[in-house]
Amino acid sequence: MSGRGANKLGARAALALLLCIGATVAAAVQELSGRLEWVDRVEMRAVANGVVDEVLVTMGQHVEAGELLLRMDQREAKATLLEAKARLARSAVAVEDAQRELDRAQELFDRGLIAMEELKDAELGQAAALAEQESERAAVAAAEVMLERTELRAPFAGIVVERNAYDGAVIYTSLQQAPLVAVAPTDRMLARALVTSDILRRYRPGQAASVIVRGERRPAEVYSLGVEAVRIDPKGAVYELDVIFDARPDEILRPSEFVQVVLP
C-alpha cells in the first residue's frame, strides 16, 4: 500500500475516533427543558385583627430588606404601649417607696425598736414591688412587639409577587386565606426540570450544572432532588430536579419562563 493510501486510512481512523469521543461526551451530558421558579417566597399576613391603614407597594415592585410594605391602624397598639409604660413608671415609684420602707425598717431593727417580723414584712414588700416592676417591663416589651407587628417589612431585598390588601380593608386573622403581601428574592433563581428516577439518582445537591437562559449559559449547581413523584408516565415516575443560579440585578426573570438545564 502506498504512503498516500496509508495516510488516508489513518485520517479516516482519527476522524472516526473523534466522532466516537464526541458522541460519548454528548451522551454523557443531559440537556433538559426546564422552567424558572422563585428560590423562596415569603407570604406575610396580619397577626391581629384590624384595619389596613396604608399599603406602600405594588405588584412587581423591587424592595430593599427592611422596607415598609404595609401598615395596619396603630392607634390601639400605641394606646396599649402608652398604658403599659405608665404602669411601669408607677411601679418604679412603688419600688423606691418599698426600698425606703426597707431602709427605715432595717435602721429601726438595728436600734432594737422593731421585731424581726416587721423587718421581714418590709423585705417582702420590697421584693413584691420589684416583681411587679419586672412584670410591667414585660408588659411594655409585649406592647412594643404588638406595635411592631402592625407593620409588614420586607425580610430581604426582592420583588413583590403578590398583593391582596388595600387601604381601609378590614382584616380578620381567622379569615386570611391569602397573604396580604408576598415577597420573593431576585438575586437567585431556580431552574426546575422534570426527570425520571434513573436520571434523578445520578445527582446530588451541590453538583455543578448550568442553565441556558435566553440563549446565555449560566453556571449553576444542583439544589434539590424531588422526593415525591409529580406524575406517573409510561416510562416511570417523574420527579422535580432543581438547580440554582445567580441572577443579575439589572435583569427581570419570571417564574415559568422556559430555560434549558444542562447536567453532566
Foldseek 3Di string as FASTA:
>chain_A
DDPVVVVVVVVVVVVVVVVVVVVVVVVVKDKFKWWWDFPDKDFAAFPAWFWWAAADDDAFDWDAAFAWGTATDQPVLVVQLVVLVVQLVVLVVQLVVLVVLLVVVVVCVVVVNDDPVSNVVSVVSNVVSVVSNVVSVVSNVVSVVNSVSSIDGHNHTFGWHDADDHGGDTDHPVPCPGGRTMTTHQFKMKIKGKDAPVVLVVDDFPAWWWKQDPNDIFTKTWHDWFDDFPDADPVGGITITIIMGTDDPVDDGDTRHMIMIMDD
